[in-house]
Amino acid sequence: MPLRIKFSRRQKVYMAIYAVLLLVFGIYNTFVFSSYVTGKKAIELSFPLHKGTYYVLQGGNHVQMNNHNAYPSQKYALDIVKLNTLGMRSNGIYPKQLDRYMIYGDEVISPCTGKVLKVRNDAPDLMPPDMDSERPEGNYVALVCENEEAVIYMAHMQEGSVAVKEGEVVQEGQPIGRVGNSGNAAEPHLHIHAEKDGEGIPIKFNGKFLVRNNIIR
């Protein structure tokens, strides 16, 4: 017959804590894993930045990985920053000077061939931590790709940098603006998302669904 092992009260407490931690860890891992998958067909795009090493600050299909996931139209949105050779996104810790952020002023190119739907070009670039909640997108380009119905938004561009107009047909890879810090942005970055009828649509860049902490070279 198997022996019955008696545990002390302290051992029982430790075992209970361990069981709770295993449960929490398992639930968290489930959430993280779900960030990598989507239940919808994704739009295939080319990456809209092309001069350096870039890092996904927000992205994925769960709020644990992507703050935008809580908002239906931005469910699969991405916030992208640039890294220097040391793996830092700025020179210094949260500097106020915009030009100390690696991505500030980087050229944004069209991720597809399509037609420009809307633009804004007159929102000021703000010094961190100032943000404009009344015009959260700041300066942006919204376009519809060929053979697609969803609208692609690219936001927080540099004031005066938007190089396309409403109704203009753009080619994949064509420069359309520069990364800035306009709108509701805590620091310079490129925000991009796709939506249709108020619902977010997944995006794949060159066949890959990007999530937080991914690096693009």
Protein backbone atom coordinates (compact mmCIF):
# COMPACT_ATOMS: atom_id res chain seq x y z
CA MET A 1 0.00 0.00 0.00
CA PRO A 2 1.27 3.52 -0.74
CA LEU A 3 2.44 5.45 2.26
CA ARG A 4 0.43 8.45 3.35
CA ILE A 5 2.74 11.40 3.74
CA LYS A 6 1.88 13.93 6.41
CA PHE A 7 2.70 17.54 5.63
CA SER A 8 3.24 20.28 8.16
CA ARG A 9 1.12 23.41 8.08
CA ARG A 10 4.03 25.39 6.61
CA GLN A 11 4.49 22.81 3.85
CA LYS A 12 0.77 22.97 3.04
CA VAL A 13 0.96 26.77 2.79
CA TYR A 14 3.97 26.55 0.46
CA MET A 15 2.20 23.97 -1.68
CA ALA A 16 -0.91 26.16 -1.92
CA ILE A 17 1.17 29.19 -2.94
CA TYR A 18 3.00 27.10 -5.53
CA ALA A 19 -0.30 25.84 -6.97
CA VAL A 20 -1.65 29.40 -7.23
CA LEU A 21 1.53 30.60 -8.94
CA LEU A 22 1.34 27.73 -11.43
CA LEU A 23 -2.27 28.65 -12.18
CA VAL A 24 -1.46 32.35 -12.66
CA PHE A 25 1.55 31.52 -14.82
CA GLY A 26 -0.54 29.16 -16.93
CA ILE A 27 -3.29 31.74 -17.45
CA TYR A 28 -0.74 34.42 -18.35
CA ASN A 29 0.94 32.11 -20.86
CA THR A 30 -2.45 31.39 -22.42
CA PHE A 31 -3.05 35.13 -22.83
CA VAL A 32 0.40 35.66 -24.32
CA PHE A 33 -0.02 32.74 -26.73
CA SER A 34 -3.36 34.13 -27.88
CA SER A 35 -1.56 37.37 -28.82
CA TYR A 36 0.15 35.53 -31.67
CA VAL A 37 -3.01 34.28 -33.39
CA THR A 38 -6.03 35.92 -34.98
CA GLY A 39 -9.42 34.67 -36.03
CA LYS A 40 -9.58 36.89 -39.11
CA LYS A 41 -7.84 36.97 -42.45
CA ALA A 42 -4.97 39.45 -42.37
CA ILE A 43 -4.12 42.17 -44.87
CA GLU A 44 -0.69 41.66 -46.43
CA LEU A 45 1.46 44.82 -46.41
CA SER A 46 5.05 45.87 -46.90
CA PHE A 47 6.79 47.30 -43.85
CA PRO A 48 6.38 51.12 -43.92
CA LEU A 49 9.85 51.94 -42.53
CA HIS A 50 13.11 51.06 -44.25
CA LYS A 51 16.15 52.73 -42.72
CA GLY A 52 17.34 50.88 -39.65
CA THR A 53 16.34 48.43 -36.92
CA TYR A 54 12.77 48.74 -35.64
CA TYR A 55 11.02 47.42 -32.55
CA VAL A 56 7.34 46.69 -31.88
CA LEU A 57 6.43 48.61 -28.74
CA GLN A 58 2.75 47.60 -28.81
CA GLY A 59 1.30 44.77 -30.88
CA GLY A 60 -0.56 41.48 -30.72
CA ASN A 61 -4.03 40.11 -30.17
CA HIS A 62 -4.37 40.60 -26.40
CA VAL A 63 -4.25 43.57 -24.02
CA GLN A 64 -1.35 41.91 -22.17
CA MET A 65 0.76 42.54 -25.28
CA ASN A 66 -1.08 45.40 -26.94
CA ASN A 67 -2.81 48.30 -25.18
CA HIS A 68 -4.74 49.07 -28.37
CA ASN A 69 -6.44 45.66 -28.25
CA ALA A 70 -9.09 47.02 -25.90
CA TYR A 71 -10.45 49.27 -28.68
CA PRO A 72 -12.38 47.44 -31.44
CA SER A 73 -11.14 49.54 -34.38
CA GLN A 74 -7.50 49.31 -33.22
CA LYS A 75 -7.59 45.71 -32.02
CA TYR A 76 -4.51 44.77 -34.09
CA ALA A 77 -2.75 48.15 -34.09
CA LEU A 78 1.03 48.42 -33.86
CA ASP A 79 3.27 51.09 -32.32
CA ILE A 80 6.75 50.99 -33.83
CA VAL A 81 9.97 52.64 -32.64
CA LYS A 82 13.57 52.53 -33.88
CA LEU A 83 16.62 51.16 -32.06
CA ASN A 84 20.19 52.41 -32.12
CA THR A 85 23.27 50.16 -32.11
CA LEU A 86 22.94 49.75 -28.32
CA GLY A 87 19.34 48.61 -28.59
CA MET A 88 17.97 51.87 -27.16
CA ARG A 89 15.16 53.85 -28.74
CA SER A 90 16.53 57.23 -27.62
CA ASN A 91 19.71 58.95 -26.54
CA GLY A 92 19.01 59.32 -22.82
CA ILE A 93 16.11 58.30 -20.61
CA TYR A 94 12.81 59.71 -21.88
CA PRO A 95 14.35 62.94 -23.23
CA LYS A 96 12.23 65.98 -24.06
CA GLN A 97 14.18 66.75 -27.23
CA LEU A 98 12.44 64.99 -30.11
CA ASP A 99 15.57 64.61 -32.22
CA ARG A 100 17.09 62.39 -29.53
CA TYR A 101 14.60 59.65 -30.43
CA MET A 102 15.97 57.33 -33.10
CA ILE A 103 12.76 57.17 -35.13
CA TYR A 104 11.97 60.89 -35.18
CA GLY A 105 12.03 62.18 -38.75
CA ASP A 106 12.32 58.73 -40.34
CA GLU A 107 10.73 58.44 -43.76
CA VAL A 108 7.39 56.61 -43.89
CA ILE A 109 6.64 54.78 -47.13
CA SER A 110 3.34 53.48 -48.42
CA PRO A 111 2.83 49.82 -47.43
CA CYS A 112 0.79 49.13 -50.55
CA THR A 113 -0.44 50.55 -53.83
CA GLY A 114 -3.74 52.28 -53.22
CA LYS A 115 -5.71 55.50 -52.89
CA VAL A 116 -5.37 58.12 -50.16
CA LEU A 117 -8.66 58.55 -48.31
CA LYS A 118 -7.84 61.21 -45.70
CA VAL A 119 -4.86 63.14 -44.36
CA ARG A 120 -3.97 65.65 -41.66
CA ASN A 121 -0.77 67.69 -41.80
CA ASP A 122 -1.09 70.64 -39.40
CA ALA A 123 -0.94 69.13 -35.90
CA PRO A 124 2.13 70.27 -33.92
CA ASP A 125 4.85 67.92 -32.72
CA LEU A 126 4.76 67.91 -28.92
CA MET A 127 7.58 67.52 -26.42
CA PRO A 128 7.22 64.46 -24.16
CA PRO A 129 5.21 63.97 -22.02
CA ASP A 130 2.72 66.44 -23.59
CA MET A 131 -0.05 64.80 -25.63
CA ASP A 132 -3.03 66.01 -27.68
CA SER A 133 -6.09 63.99 -26.68
CA GLU A 134 -8.41 66.13 -28.83
CA ARG A 135 -6.61 65.04 -32.03
CA PRO A 136 -5.31 61.62 -30.99
CA GLU A 137 -4.08 60.60 -34.46
CA GLY A 138 -2.10 63.81 -34.89
CA ASN A 139 -0.89 64.05 -38.48
CA TYR A 140 -1.87 60.95 -40.41
CA VAL A 141 -2.44 59.27 -43.74
CA ALA A 142 -5.43 56.97 -44.27
CA LEU A 143 -5.43 54.90 -47.45
CA VAL A 144 -7.23 51.97 -49.05
CA CYS A 145 -5.03 49.38 -50.73
CA GLU A 146 -5.83 47.87 -54.11
CA ASN A 147 -8.27 44.95 -53.91
CA GLU A 148 -8.96 45.67 -50.22
CA GLU A 149 -11.82 47.37 -48.39
CA ALA A 150 -10.16 48.10 -45.05
CA VAL A 151 -8.64 51.51 -44.33
CA ILE A 152 -4.96 51.65 -43.30
CA TYR A 153 -4.13 54.42 -40.81
CA MET A 154 -0.57 55.64 -40.20
CA ALA A 155 -0.47 58.22 -37.44
CA HIS A 156 1.65 60.61 -35.31
CA MET A 157 3.57 61.97 -38.30
CA GLN A 158 5.76 65.06 -38.25
CA GLU A 159 4.01 68.39 -38.74
CA GLY A 160 4.16 69.48 -42.38
CA SER A 161 5.74 66.22 -43.53
CA VAL A 162 2.71 64.49 -45.10
CA ALA A 163 3.58 64.33 -48.79
CA VAL A 164 0.30 63.04 -50.28
CA LYS A 165 -3.18 64.46 -50.75
CA GLU A 166 -6.70 63.11 -50.42
CA GLY A 167 -7.71 61.23 -53.56
CA GLU A 168 -4.11 60.68 -54.70
CA VAL A 169 -3.06 57.25 -55.96
CA VAL A 170 0.15 56.09 -54.29
CA GLN A 171 2.52 53.28 -55.16
CA GLU A 172 3.93 50.73 -52.74
CA GLY A 173 7.21 52.10 -51.38
CA GLN A 174 6.37 55.73 -52.20
CA PRO A 175 7.34 58.24 -49.47
CA ILE A 176 4.22 59.61 -47.77
CA GLY A 177 5.55 61.43 -44.70
CA ARG A 178 7.91 61.33 -41.73
CA VAL A 179 7.58 59.97 -38.19
CA GLY A 180 6.80 62.68 -35.66
CA ASN A 181 5.23 63.13 -32.25
CA SER A 182 1.86 64.69 -33.02
CA GLY A 183 -1.42 63.72 -31.42
CA ASN A 184 -1.86 61.44 -28.42
CA ALA A 185 1.71 60.11 -28.45
CA ALA A 186 3.93 59.78 -25.38
CA GLU A 187 7.06 59.63 -27.56
CA PRO A 188 7.88 59.59 -31.29
CA HIS A 189 6.67 56.41 -32.96
CA LEU A 190 4.67 55.21 -35.94
CA HIS A 191 1.18 53.94 -35.21
CA ILE A 192 -0.42 51.75 -37.88
CA HIS A 193 -3.69 49.85 -37.94
CA ALA A 194 -6.31 48.59 -40.37
CA GLU A 195 -10.05 48.79 -39.85
CA LYS A 196 -13.28 48.10 -41.70
CA ASP A 197 -16.69 49.32 -40.51
CA GLY A 198 -15.21 50.15 -37.11
CA GLU A 199 -13.67 46.71 -36.59
CA GLY A 200 -9.93 46.08 -36.50
CA ILE A 201 -8.36 43.91 -39.21
CA PRO A 202 -5.09 41.98 -38.65
CA ILE A 203 -2.01 43.11 -40.55
CA LYS A 204 0.86 40.96 -41.78
CA PHE A 205 4.13 42.46 -42.95
CA ASN A 206 5.83 40.33 -45.57
CA GLY A 207 3.80 37.36 -44.32
CA LYS A 208 4.45 37.83 -40.59
CA PHE A 209 1.99 38.90 -37.86
CA LEU A 210 4.06 41.12 -35.58
CA VAL A 211 3.63 41.34 -31.80
CA ARG A 212 5.27 43.25 -28.96
CA ASN A 213 9.07 42.83 -28.70
CA ASN A 214 9.48 41.75 -32.32
CA ILE A 215 12.47 43.32 -34.08
CA ILE A 216 12.45 44.22 -37.77
CA ARG A 217 15.70 44.77 -39.67
